Amino acid sequence: MNYKDLADLIFPDVKEISYYEEKYPKRELQEGAIVTRYAPSPTGFMHIGGFYQALIAMKIAKQTNGVFFLRIEDTDQKREVENGVAEIVNSFKNFGFEPDEGMISETESKGNYGPYKQSQRKEIYQAYAKYLIEQGKAYPCFCNPEEVEEIRAKQEVAKIRPGYYGVWAKCRNVTVEESIEKIKNGEKYIIRFKSPGREDRKIKHHDIIKGNVDFPENDQEIVIIKADGLPTYHFAHAIDDHLMGTTHVIRGDEWLSSVPLHLQLFNELGFKAPKYAHIAPIMKNDEGNKRKLSKRKDPEAAVSYYAQEGIPAEAVKEYLLNIANSSYENWRRANPDKAIDEFELQLNKMSVSGALFDMVKLLDVSKIVISKMTAEEVYENAMNWAKKYDKELEKLLQDKEYALKIFGIERGNKKPRKDISKWSEVKENISYMYEEKFEKDKSEYPYQVINDKESIEKILKLYIEKYYDENDDKQTWFDKIKELAGEMGYAKEVKEFKANPEMYKAHVGDVSTVLRVALTKRTNTPDMYEIMQVLGKDEMKNRFVRQLGQS
């Protein structure tokens, strides 16, 4: 009896591997094109770190006219959750991501290299497992979980490296005849890889991000096919990346230590190994200490957080590219209006130790992204967000024509307003523009330099009775506020006040603040002239009169 007899007994019905090699031919791509993938498990939680990896993998493929695909690694079915694939696919859609191939819903996929769910590729993995058994490179292992645990316990006592290797690999030397007899007697088994490695030998490897690294060779006899007939991640990914033509594996650096095993698997299977790029995790500054973003501690670790907060997808992508390559910030400054697709990401310029995630910086980026939107785009985004998360804001925005006027304030000019960083801030930012919300606001008027009742009353009365004309252009409007300041004995120009502060109690800017606060109950708003134009003469006068009655 030989290895082939054993392989035929274990896998009597699987196809020859030549069938799959023909079914999934080498991709026809232009020179230099890169094929990448994002291959998550459907565990129900999409981490921003995973999205970061996907963004980089997609960007690298796209900028080389290559292929990016979404593969679901669901062979560990204990961890899988209901609608886990939909969670991943919908996260992609929310960020405007569309893979060239792979899963596009819980059950549907596109592309010629599927199925793109590992649980549906069982017979493929078994064909390659059979091939390895035929080559004497894999074998059935009859050790039960208790025996494996006993081996581990002995290794711990002896303070030696844990695992199933060398003298500890009990089933490695079971003969073909013995294996066949055990299988025929109904003994349970799994399939292990027979490693040719030795831990006392080193391998040299070049990682695109980490650079040159040395490892001990792999000598672990890992499980490749479990008792349920499904493969382990290590085995499945090697076969899938080969058949799907992956040229570059871009993944988290927690997988770096698996490189010796993975390269060994590719080699023993007769495959060309892809290039590896191991991305350092996104870090957070926690009271002066750097740590990984945690899904338990940090709400921003979940991709769903950004949709709930209303941070635009484009802003998140901009920020992640910013922390991926330090050159991005200068590129964006030099090319403020270019699409992010035009930036060329370089893997070898990524941080080896992990970039710090800074929510303040992200929101600054988001403000810039929103400032470039048209009033119509801001309205549509805010309304779509409000329909899901804020019914009160949705109600405020029902009058689209009026809302567009509000969002049009200081928009579309050289220095557009940057007061909104996320859609969840919109209601607070615009509430004073709505009469019913303004009336309900019982907070005190935050007057500044000019805060005595008599002066405030005089400014408001003079403005209404003598200086306001709704037909004035902006320059005329401001010139009249200067005149009002002069009439009250204040400096008409700020520079006059600064030159002779002892001559004046206040200046034209302080007069403007009185008008602004009476109008909005805020000291910091977009352009006051435009606010007055949108509110209209009657509402403006009502607010001033109401304030006169209260002061």
Protein backbone atom coordinates (compact mmCIF):
# COMPACT_ATOMS: atom_id res chain seq x y z
CA MET A 1 0.00 0.00 0.00
CA ASN A 2 1.19 3.53 -0.75
CA TYR A 3 0.31 7.18 -0.16
CA LYS A 4 -2.12 7.17 -3.11
CA ASP A 5 -4.13 4.34 -1.55
CA LEU A 6 -4.35 6.32 1.67
CA ALA A 7 -5.35 9.51 -0.19
CA ASP A 8 -8.04 7.63 -2.18
CA LEU A 9 -9.47 6.15 1.00
CA ILE A 10 -9.70 9.56 2.71
CA PHE A 11 -10.90 11.53 -0.31
CA PRO A 12 -12.44 9.05 -2.76
CA ASP A 13 -14.60 11.51 -4.71
CA VAL A 14 -12.57 14.71 -5.08
CA LYS A 15 -11.31 15.96 -8.44
CA GLU A 16 -7.68 16.09 -9.50
CA ILE A 17 -6.00 19.43 -8.77
CA SER A 18 -5.41 19.83 -12.53
CA TYR A 19 -9.17 20.42 -12.84
CA TYR A 20 -8.95 23.51 -10.60
CA GLU A 21 -5.73 24.74 -12.17
CA GLU A 22 -7.60 24.79 -15.52
CA LYS A 23 -10.84 26.16 -14.06
CA TYR A 24 -9.03 29.15 -12.54
CA PRO A 25 -6.48 30.16 -15.19
CA LYS A 26 -3.78 32.72 -14.60
CA ARG A 27 -5.19 36.23 -14.84
CA GLU A 28 -4.50 38.20 -17.99
CA LEU A 29 -3.30 41.52 -16.64
CA GLN A 30 -1.04 44.27 -17.88
CA GLU A 31 2.54 44.27 -16.62
CA GLY A 32 2.86 45.58 -13.08
CA ALA A 33 -0.82 45.08 -12.25
CA ILE A 34 -1.34 44.04 -8.64
CA VAL A 35 -4.06 41.70 -7.37
CA THR A 36 -5.05 42.21 -3.73
CA ARG A 37 -7.83 41.03 -1.50
CA TYR A 38 -9.57 41.76 1.76
CA ALA A 39 -10.45 38.49 3.46
CA PRO A 40 -12.33 39.02 6.74
CA SER A 41 -14.24 36.55 8.89
CA PRO A 42 -17.98 37.29 9.19
CA THR A 43 -17.95 37.88 12.94
CA GLY A 44 -20.39 40.81 12.94
CA PHE A 45 -17.94 43.59 13.82
CA MET A 46 -16.12 45.62 11.20
CA HIS A 47 -13.05 47.19 12.82
CA ILE A 48 -11.65 50.44 11.43
CA GLY A 49 -8.27 48.66 11.27
CA GLY A 50 -9.76 46.10 8.89
CA PHE A 51 -11.27 48.86 6.81
CA TYR A 52 -7.84 50.55 6.78
CA GLN A 53 -6.29 47.36 5.36
CA ALA A 54 -9.08 47.08 2.77
CA LEU A 55 -8.63 50.72 1.70
CA ILE A 56 -4.90 50.21 1.21
CA ALA A 57 -5.36 46.91 -0.64
CA MET A 58 -7.98 48.45 -2.93
CA LYS A 59 -5.89 51.57 -3.55
CA ILE A 60 -2.77 49.57 -4.47
CA ALA A 61 -4.75 47.40 -6.92
CA LYS A 62 -6.56 50.35 -8.46
CA GLN A 63 -3.48 52.49 -9.07
CA THR A 64 -1.84 49.63 -11.00
CA ASN A 65 -4.99 48.74 -13.01
CA GLY A 66 -5.10 45.49 -11.09
CA VAL A 67 -7.88 43.64 -9.27
CA PHE A 68 -9.22 43.91 -5.72
CA PHE A 69 -11.57 41.22 -4.44
CA LEU A 70 -13.55 40.54 -1.27
CA ARG A 71 -13.23 36.97 0.01
CA ILE A 72 -15.02 35.74 3.11
CA GLU A 73 -13.02 33.42 5.36
CA ASP A 74 -15.79 31.54 7.16
CA THR A 75 -14.25 28.14 7.81
CA ASP A 76 -14.36 28.75 11.59
CA GLN A 77 -18.13 28.47 11.76
CA LYS A 78 -18.30 28.80 15.55
CA ARG A 79 -17.33 32.47 15.23
CA GLU A 80 -19.70 33.27 12.38
CA VAL A 81 -22.74 35.45 13.13
CA GLU A 82 -26.00 35.85 11.27
CA ASN A 83 -25.78 38.45 8.48
CA GLY A 84 -22.03 38.77 9.13
CA VAL A 85 -21.26 39.01 5.41
CA ALA A 86 -23.95 41.66 4.91
CA GLU A 87 -22.32 43.73 7.68
CA ILE A 88 -19.01 43.68 5.77
CA VAL A 89 -20.58 44.32 2.36
CA ASN A 90 -22.75 47.17 3.68
CA SER A 91 -19.74 48.76 5.40
CA PHE A 92 -18.04 48.75 2.01
CA LYS A 93 -21.09 50.30 0.34
CA ASN A 94 -21.34 53.02 3.01
CA PHE A 95 -17.80 54.05 2.14
CA GLY A 96 -18.33 53.94 -1.62
CA PHE A 97 -16.22 50.80 -1.96
CA GLU A 98 -16.99 48.30 -4.65
CA PRO A 99 -14.65 45.34 -5.05
CA ASP A 100 -13.89 44.24 -8.60
CA GLU A 101 -14.79 40.70 -7.60
CA GLY A 102 -16.13 38.85 -4.60
CA MET A 103 -19.12 39.03 -2.31
CA ILE A 104 -21.65 41.78 -3.04
CA SER A 105 -24.34 40.65 -0.56
CA GLU A 106 -24.86 37.93 2.04
CA THR A 107 -25.33 35.36 -0.73
CA GLU A 108 -24.35 36.95 -4.06
CA SER A 109 -20.94 37.42 -5.62
CA LYS A 110 -19.37 38.53 -8.89
CA GLY A 111 -16.22 37.39 -10.68
CA ASN A 112 -14.82 34.26 -12.33
CA TYR A 113 -12.68 33.00 -9.45
CA GLY A 114 -15.44 32.10 -6.97
CA PRO A 115 -16.98 30.88 -4.85
CA TYR A 116 -15.68 33.77 -2.75
CA LYS A 117 -16.83 32.19 0.51
CA GLN A 118 -14.40 29.61 1.84
CA SER A 119 -17.18 27.43 3.27
CA GLN A 120 -18.35 26.86 -0.32
CA ARG A 121 -14.90 25.75 -1.55
CA LYS A 122 -14.62 22.63 0.59
CA GLU A 123 -14.05 20.21 -2.31
CA ILE A 124 -11.24 22.45 -3.66
CA TYR A 125 -9.32 22.32 -0.37
CA GLN A 126 -9.87 18.58 -0.11
CA ALA A 127 -8.45 18.10 -3.62
CA TYR A 128 -5.22 19.86 -2.60
CA ALA A 129 -5.13 18.02 0.74
CA LYS A 130 -5.41 14.75 -1.18
CA TYR A 131 -2.55 15.90 -3.43
CA LEU A 132 -0.35 16.55 -0.38
CA ILE A 133 -1.17 13.12 1.09
CA GLU A 134 -0.28 11.50 -2.24
CA GLN A 135 3.07 13.34 -2.09
CA GLY A 136 3.73 12.21 1.47
CA LYS A 137 3.45 15.85 2.60
CA ALA A 138 0.34 15.43 4.75
CA TYR A 139 -1.08 12.65 6.89
CA PRO A 140 -4.09 11.67 8.99
CA CYS A 141 -3.68 12.42 12.70
CA PHE A 142 -5.67 10.29 15.14
CA CYS A 143 -4.80 12.25 18.29
CA ASN A 144 -7.93 13.42 20.07
CA PRO A 145 -8.14 16.89 21.70
CA GLU A 146 -7.28 15.42 25.12
CA GLU A 147 -4.07 13.89 23.78
CA VAL A 148 -3.06 17.16 22.12
CA GLU A 149 -3.71 18.97 25.40
CA GLU A 150 -1.62 16.39 27.25
CA ILE A 151 1.29 17.05 24.85
CA ARG A 152 0.97 20.78 25.50
CA ALA A 153 0.90 20.26 29.28
CA LYS A 154 4.10 18.18 29.15
CA GLN A 155 5.79 20.86 27.05
CA GLU A 156 4.81 23.55 29.57
CA VAL A 157 6.23 21.53 32.45
CA ALA A 158 9.44 20.99 30.48
CA LYS A 159 9.43 24.71 29.57
CA ILE A 160 9.83 24.02 25.87
CA ARG A 161 8.12 25.45 22.82
CA PRO A 162 4.48 24.28 22.61
CA GLY A 163 3.04 22.64 19.51
CA TYR A 164 2.79 19.49 17.44
CA TYR A 165 6.25 19.05 15.97
CA GLY A 166 9.33 16.80 15.96
CA VAL A 167 9.16 14.05 18.58
CA TRP A 168 5.82 15.45 19.76
CA ALA A 169 4.18 14.77 16.38
CA LYS A 170 2.89 11.35 17.46
CA CYS A 171 1.07 10.47 14.22
CA ARG A 172 3.74 11.64 11.80
CA ASN A 173 5.36 8.22 11.63
CA VAL A 174 2.22 6.10 11.62
CA THR A 175 2.59 3.87 8.58
CA VAL A 176 0.25 3.99 5.60
CA GLU A 177 -0.99 0.49 6.46
CA GLU A 178 -1.70 1.42 10.08
CA SER A 179 -3.49 4.63 8.99
CA ILE A 180 -5.68 2.73 6.52
CA GLU A 181 -6.57 0.16 9.17
CA LYS A 182 -7.46 2.85 11.74
CA ILE A 183 -9.66 4.69 9.22
CA LYS A 184 -11.43 1.47 8.22
CA ASN A 185 -12.03 0.76 11.92
CA GLY A 186 -13.85 4.08 12.17
CA GLU A 187 -11.26 6.01 14.19
CA LYS A 188 -11.70 9.77 13.97
CA TYR A 189 -8.93 11.84 12.44
CA ILE A 190 -7.87 15.19 11.05
CA ILE A 191 -5.31 15.95 8.33
CA ARG A 192 -1.98 17.51 9.29
CA PHE A 193 0.71 19.08 7.13
CA LYS A 194 4.05 17.27 7.33
CA SER A 195 6.51 20.13 7.75
CA PRO A 196 9.98 19.77 6.21
CA GLY A 197 11.25 22.62 8.40
CA ARG A 198 13.73 22.74 11.23
CA GLU A 199 13.58 25.36 13.94
CA ASP A 200 17.37 25.63 14.09
CA ARG A 201 17.46 26.90 10.49
CA LYS A 202 16.59 30.48 9.51
CA ILE A 203 14.69 31.91 6.57
CA LYS A 204 15.22 35.40 5.22
CA HIS A 205 12.15 37.26 4.04
CA HIS A 206 11.54 40.72 2.61
CA ASP A 207 8.27 42.31 3.74
CA ILE A 208 7.23 45.34 1.67
CA ILE A 209 6.46 47.38 4.80
CA LYS A 210 8.63 45.82 7.51
CA GLY A 211 11.68 45.36 5.31
CA ASN A 212 14.10 42.42 5.73
CA VAL A 213 13.18 40.00 8.51
CA ASP A 214 14.67 36.69 9.66
CA PHE A 215 12.62 33.86 11.11
CA PRO A 216 13.27 30.32 12.30
CA GLU A 217 11.89 27.83 9.79
CA ASN A 218 8.44 26.46 10.53
CA ASP A 219 8.44 22.95 11.95
CA GLN A 220 4.88 22.86 13.28
CA GLU A 221 2.72 20.08 11.83
CA ILE A 222 -0.40 22.20 11.59
CA VAL A 223 -3.93 20.92 11.00
CA ILE A 224 -4.94 21.59 7.40
CA ILE A 225 -8.32 19.82 7.30
CA LYS A 226 -10.45 19.73 10.46
CA ALA A 227 -12.80 16.98 11.62
CA ASP A 228 -15.73 18.69 9.88
CA GLY A 229 -13.92 18.46 6.53
CA LEU A 230 -13.30 22.21 6.36
CA PRO A 231 -9.78 23.65 6.16
CA THR A 232 -7.95 25.81 8.64
CA TYR A 233 -7.24 29.41 7.68
CA HIS A 234 -3.57 28.72 6.97
CA PHE A 235 -4.26 26.03 4.39
CA ALA A 236 -7.29 27.66 2.79
CA HIS A 237 -5.68 31.05 2.25
CA ALA A 238 -2.69 29.52 0.44
CA ILE A 239 -4.91 27.66 -2.04
CA ASP A 240 -7.27 30.60 -2.53
CA ASP A 241 -4.51 33.15 -3.04
CA HIS A 242 -2.91 30.83 -5.59
CA LEU A 243 -6.09 30.07 -7.54
CA MET A 244 -7.39 33.64 -7.35
CA GLY A 245 -4.07 35.06 -8.54
CA THR A 246 -3.31 37.21 -5.50
CA THR A 247 0.03 38.94 -6.08
CA HIS A 248 0.20 40.93 -2.83
CA VAL A 249 -1.20 39.93 0.56
CA ILE A 250 -1.81 43.11 2.57
CA ARG A 251 -2.81 42.25 6.12
CA GLY A 252 -2.31 43.14 9.78
CA ASP A 253 1.11 42.55 11.30
CA GLU A 254 -0.31 40.08 13.82
CA TRP A 255 0.15 37.64 10.90
CA LEU A 256 3.87 38.39 10.48
CA SER A 257 4.91 35.42 12.62
CA SER A 258 2.91 33.12 10.31
CA VAL A 259 5.08 34.00 7.30
CA PRO A 260 7.45 30.99 7.65
CA LEU A 261 4.48 28.60 7.72
CA HIS A 262 2.70 30.30 4.84
CA LEU A 263 5.77 30.42 2.62
CA GLN A 264 6.37 26.76 3.42
CA LEU A 265 2.81 25.83 2.45
CA PHE A 266 3.10 27.68 -0.86
CA ASN A 267 6.40 25.95 -1.55
CA GLU A 268 5.20 22.43 -0.68
CA LEU A 269 2.04 22.93 -2.77
CA GLY A 270 4.19 23.98 -5.72
CA PHE A 271 2.78 27.52 -5.81
CA LYS A 272 4.51 30.85 -6.33
CA ALA A 273 4.13 32.77 -3.07
CA PRO A 274 2.62 36.27 -3.14
CA LYS A 275 4.49 39.28 -1.78
CA TYR A 276 3.57 40.18 1.78
CA ALA A 277 2.93 43.61 3.29
CA HIS A 278 2.16 43.59 7.01
CA ILE A 279 0.41 46.72 8.22
CA ALA A 280 1.05 47.98 11.75
CA PRO A 281 -2.15 48.45 13.79
CA ILE A 282 -3.79 51.83 14.20
CA MET A 283 -2.79 53.15 17.62
CA LYS A 284 -4.38 55.52 20.10
CA ASN A 285 -2.78 57.90 22.58
CA ASP A 286 -4.14 56.90 25.98
CA GLU A 287 -2.86 59.28 28.66
CA GLY A 288 0.57 59.42 27.07
CA ASN A 289 0.77 55.72 26.24
CA LYS A 290 0.29 54.25 22.78
CA ARG A 291 -2.07 51.29 22.52
CA LYS A 292 -4.11 49.57 19.83
CA LEU A 293 -7.60 50.87 19.09
CA SER A 294 -9.84 48.57 21.10
CA LYS A 295 -13.37 47.54 20.19
CA ARG A 296 -14.14 47.32 23.92
CA LYS A 297 -12.79 50.73 24.92
CA ASP A 298 -13.02 52.89 21.81
CA PRO A 299 -16.30 53.54 19.97
CA GLU A 300 -14.30 54.80 16.98
CA ALA A 301 -12.86 51.29 16.53
CA ALA A 302 -16.16 50.22 14.92
CA VAL A 303 -16.74 51.20 11.30
CA SER A 304 -20.44 51.65 12.15
CA TYR A 305 -19.49 54.54 14.50
CA TYR A 306 -18.68 56.83 11.57
CA ALA A 307 -22.09 56.38 9.97
CA GLN A 308 -23.84 56.91 13.32
CA GLU A 309 -21.88 60.10 13.99
CA GLY A 310 -22.38 61.26 10.42
CA ILE A 311 -18.72 61.62 9.51
CA PRO A 312 -18.61 61.53 5.70
CA ALA A 313 -17.05 58.42 4.18
CA GLU A 314 -14.80 60.61 2.04
CA ALA A 315 -13.38 62.28 5.15
CA VAL A 316 -12.59 58.93 6.78
CA LYS A 317 -10.82 57.74 3.62
CA GLU A 318 -8.88 61.02 3.37
CA TYR A 319 -7.77 60.71 6.98
CA LEU A 320 -6.77 57.04 6.69
CA LEU A 321 -4.64 57.82 3.63
CA ASN A 322 -3.15 60.64 5.67
CA ILE A 323 -1.97 58.21 8.35
CA ALA A 324 -1.00 55.57 5.76
CA ASN A 325 1.54 57.80 3.98
CA SER A 326 3.05 60.91 5.56
CA SER A 327 3.44 62.42 2.08
CA TYR A 328 -0.36 62.54 1.66
CA GLU A 329 -0.82 65.76 3.63
CA ASN A 330 1.59 67.72 1.41
CA TRP A 331 0.05 66.17 -1.70
CA ARG A 332 -3.43 67.23 -0.61
CA ARG A 333 -2.21 70.74 0.19
CA ALA A 334 -0.73 71.03 -3.31
CA ASN A 335 -3.78 69.40 -4.94
CA PRO A 336 -6.81 70.57 -2.95
CA ASP A 337 -9.33 69.69 -5.66
CA LYS A 338 -7.97 66.37 -6.92
CA ALA A 339 -9.73 63.06 -6.22
CA ILE A 340 -7.94 60.80 -3.73
CA ASP A 341 -7.62 58.21 -6.51
CA GLU A 342 -4.92 60.42 -8.02
CA PHE A 343 -2.65 60.07 -4.99
CA GLU A 344 -0.11 57.28 -5.39
CA LEU A 345 0.12 55.29 -2.19
CA GLN A 346 3.46 53.63 -1.47
CA LEU A 347 3.49 50.59 0.80
CA ASN A 348 7.19 50.97 1.61
CA LYS A 349 6.48 54.40 3.09
CA MET A 350 3.98 53.11 5.63
CA SER A 351 4.74 53.27 9.35
CA VAL A 352 6.49 50.19 10.72
CA SER A 353 5.33 50.81 14.29
CA GLY A 354 1.73 51.97 13.76
CA ALA A 355 0.15 55.34 13.09
CA LEU A 356 -1.67 57.28 15.81
CA PHE A 357 -5.39 57.77 15.29
CA ASP A 358 -6.37 61.33 16.17
CA MET A 359 -10.11 62.06 16.21
CA VAL A 360 -9.50 65.84 16.36
CA LYS A 361 -7.43 65.63 13.17
CA LEU A 362 -10.05 63.45 11.50
CA LEU A 363 -12.77 65.99 12.28
CA ASP A 364 -10.56 68.79 10.91
CA VAL A 365 -10.21 66.79 7.69
CA SER A 366 -13.97 66.26 7.71
CA LYS A 367 -14.62 70.00 8.03
CA ILE A 368 -12.56 70.60 4.90
CA VAL A 369 -14.37 67.81 3.01
CA ILE A 370 -17.80 69.21 3.96
CA SER A 371 -16.71 72.79 3.20
CA LYS A 372 -16.12 71.77 -0.43
CA MET A 373 -19.64 70.39 -0.84
CA THR A 374 -22.44 72.34 -2.49
CA ALA A 375 -25.47 73.38 -0.44
CA GLU A 376 -27.44 70.67 -2.25
CA GLU A 377 -24.87 68.00 -1.29
CA VAL A 378 -24.83 69.13 2.33
CA TYR A 379 -28.63 69.07 2.40
CA GLU A 380 -28.89 65.57 0.90
CA ASN A 381 -26.25 64.14 3.23
CA ALA A 382 -27.69 65.79 6.33
CA MET A 383 -31.23 64.70 5.41
CA ASN A 384 -30.18 61.10 4.72
CA TRP A 385 -28.40 60.97 8.06
CA ALA A 386 -31.33 62.61 9.89
CA LYS A 387 -33.82 60.08 8.50
CA LYS A 388 -31.83 57.32 10.22
CA TYR A 389 -30.65 59.01 13.38
CA ASP A 390 -32.43 62.31 14.21
CA LYS A 391 -36.15 62.80 13.56
CA GLU A 392 -36.08 66.35 14.92
CA LEU A 393 -33.46 67.39 12.38
CA GLU A 394 -35.39 65.62 9.63
CA LYS A 395 -38.43 67.74 10.55
CA LEU A 396 -36.37 70.97 10.50
CA LEU A 397 -35.08 70.13 7.03
CA GLN A 398 -38.53 69.49 5.53
CA ASP A 399 -38.53 73.00 4.03
CA LYS A 400 -35.79 72.23 1.54
CA GLU A 401 -35.75 75.69 -0.07
CA TYR A 402 -35.11 77.39 3.28
CA ALA A 403 -32.56 74.74 4.34
CA LEU A 404 -30.64 75.24 1.09
CA LYS A 405 -30.42 78.98 1.84
CA ILE A 406 -28.97 78.18 5.28
CA PHE A 407 -26.44 75.70 3.90
CA GLY A 408 -25.61 78.17 1.12
CA ILE A 409 -24.28 80.72 3.62
CA GLU A 410 -20.53 81.20 3.03
CA ARG A 411 -20.42 78.28 0.63
CA GLY A 412 -18.84 78.16 -2.81
CA ASN A 413 -16.42 81.04 -2.22
CA LYS A 414 -12.62 81.05 -1.80
CA LYS A 415 -12.84 80.58 1.95
CA PRO A 416 -15.97 78.48 2.56
CA ARG A 417 -17.37 77.97 6.04
CA LYS A 418 -15.83 75.14 8.06
CA ASP A 419 -18.26 74.91 10.96
CA ILE A 420 -19.61 71.40 10.29
CA SER A 421 -17.42 68.35 10.86
CA LYS A 422 -20.18 65.71 10.92
CA TRP A 423 -23.89 65.49 10.19
CA SER A 424 -24.69 64.98 13.88
CA GLU A 425 -23.55 68.60 14.45
CA VAL A 426 -25.90 70.10 11.87
CA LYS A 427 -28.90 70.57 14.17
CA GLU A 428 -26.86 72.41 16.78
CA ASN A 429 -25.17 74.49 14.07
CA ILE A 430 -28.35 75.67 12.34
CA SER A 431 -31.02 75.57 15.07
CA TYR A 432 -30.87 79.36 15.63
CA MET A 433 -32.00 79.85 12.02
CA TYR A 434 -35.39 78.37 12.90
CA GLU A 435 -37.80 80.61 14.78
CA GLU A 436 -39.38 77.83 16.88
CA LYS A 437 -35.97 76.55 18.04
CA PHE A 438 -34.68 80.08 18.69
CA GLU A 439 -37.71 80.94 20.84
CA LYS A 440 -37.29 77.78 22.92
CA ASP A 441 -33.64 78.61 23.60
CA LYS A 442 -33.72 80.03 27.14
CA SER A 443 -29.96 80.52 27.46
CA GLU A 444 -28.64 83.98 28.30
CA TYR A 445 -27.39 86.23 25.52
CA PRO A 446 -23.58 85.98 25.72
CA TYR A 447 -22.70 89.65 25.18
CA GLN A 448 -19.01 90.44 25.25
CA VAL A 449 -17.27 93.87 25.49
CA ILE A 450 -20.46 95.91 25.12
CA ASN A 451 -22.69 94.28 27.72
CA ASP A 452 -24.53 97.03 29.56
CA LYS A 453 -28.29 97.18 29.01
CA GLU A 454 -28.41 100.81 27.92
CA SER A 455 -25.72 100.50 25.20
CA ILE A 456 -27.21 97.25 23.83
CA GLU A 457 -30.68 98.79 23.60
CA LYS A 458 -29.34 101.88 21.86
CA ILE A 459 -27.36 99.85 19.28
CA LEU A 460 -30.36 97.63 18.43
CA LYS A 461 -32.80 100.55 18.19
CA LEU A 462 -30.47 102.69 16.08
CA TYR A 463 -29.80 99.76 13.75
CA ILE A 464 -33.49 98.97 13.20
CA GLU A 465 -34.66 102.59 12.92
CA LYS A 466 -31.80 104.25 11.08
CA TYR A 467 -29.26 101.89 9.53
CA TYR A 468 -30.92 98.69 8.28
CA ASP A 469 -32.00 98.41 4.64
CA GLU A 470 -32.62 94.90 3.30
CA ASN A 471 -31.57 96.06 -0.18
CA ASP A 472 -28.04 97.04 0.86
CA ASP A 473 -25.14 95.06 -0.56
CA LYS A 474 -22.59 93.65 1.87
CA GLN A 475 -20.15 96.57 1.70
CA THR A 476 -22.89 99.17 2.21
CA TRP A 477 -24.29 97.10 5.09
CA PHE A 478 -20.94 97.01 6.87
CA ASP A 479 -20.24 100.69 6.18
CA LYS A 480 -23.50 101.48 7.98
CA ILE A 481 -22.43 99.45 11.02
CA LYS A 482 -19.26 101.57 11.04
CA GLU A 483 -21.42 104.71 11.00
CA LEU A 484 -23.48 103.34 13.87
CA ALA A 485 -20.30 102.67 15.85
CA GLY A 486 -19.12 106.22 15.21
CA GLU A 487 -22.46 107.68 16.31
CA MET A 488 -22.17 105.74 19.59
CA GLY A 489 -18.64 107.06 20.20
CA TYR A 490 -16.89 103.80 19.33
CA ALA A 491 -13.99 103.40 16.92
CA LYS A 492 -15.15 102.91 13.32
CA GLU A 493 -12.06 100.84 12.57
CA VAL A 494 -10.39 98.20 14.72
CA LYS A 495 -6.98 99.64 13.89
CA GLU A 496 -8.11 103.07 15.22
CA PHE A 497 -9.04 101.40 18.50
CA LYS A 498 -5.72 99.59 18.73
CA ALA A 499 -3.81 102.82 18.02
CA ASN A 500 -5.71 104.81 20.66
CA PRO A 501 -7.42 102.39 23.11
CA GLU A 502 -7.81 105.10 25.76
CA MET A 503 -10.04 107.13 23.41
CA TYR A 504 -12.70 104.43 22.88
CA LYS A 505 -14.65 101.97 25.03
CA ALA A 506 -15.14 99.65 22.05
CA HIS A 507 -14.92 99.36 18.26
CA VAL A 508 -16.99 98.39 15.23
CA GLY A 509 -16.28 94.66 15.78
CA ASP A 510 -17.83 94.89 19.25
CA VAL A 511 -20.92 96.55 17.77
CA SER A 512 -21.17 93.71 15.24
CA THR A 513 -20.97 91.24 18.14
CA VAL A 514 -23.96 92.88 19.82
CA LEU A 515 -25.98 92.50 16.60
CA ARG A 516 -24.78 88.90 16.15
CA VAL A 517 -25.61 87.83 19.70
CA ALA A 518 -29.06 89.46 19.60
CA LEU A 519 -29.71 87.72 16.29
CA THR A 520 -28.35 84.24 17.10
CA LYS A 521 -27.49 84.01 20.83
CA ARG A 522 -24.00 83.07 19.64
CA THR A 523 -20.71 84.88 19.35
CA ASN A 524 -19.37 82.67 16.58
CA THR A 525 -21.44 82.13 13.44
CA PRO A 526 -20.99 82.22 9.68
CA ASP A 527 -21.27 85.54 7.87
CA MET A 528 -23.81 87.78 9.65
CA TYR A 529 -24.85 89.66 6.51
CA GLU A 530 -25.84 86.38 4.84
CA ILE A 531 -27.64 85.22 8.01
CA MET A 532 -29.71 88.43 7.99
CA GLN A 533 -30.54 87.91 4.29
CA VAL A 534 -31.78 84.38 4.97
CA LEU A 535 -33.73 85.24 8.13
CA GLY A 536 -35.34 88.23 6.45
CA LYS A 537 -36.23 91.68 7.75
CA ASP A 538 -39.27 90.69 9.81
CA GLU A 539 -37.61 87.83 11.72
CA MET A 540 -34.53 89.97 12.34
CA LYS A 541 -36.62 92.81 13.76
CA ASN A 542 -38.66 90.37 15.88
CA ARG A 543 -35.49 89.04 17.46
CA PHE A 544 -34.12 92.51 18.18
CA VAL A 545 -37.45 93.68 19.62
CA ARG A 546 -37.66 90.52 21.76
CA GLN A 547 -34.17 91.23 23.08
CA LEU A 548 -35.06 94.86 23.77
CA GLY A 549 -37.98 93.63 25.83
CA GLN A 550 -35.73 91.31 27.84
CA SER A 551 -32.75 93.60 28.40
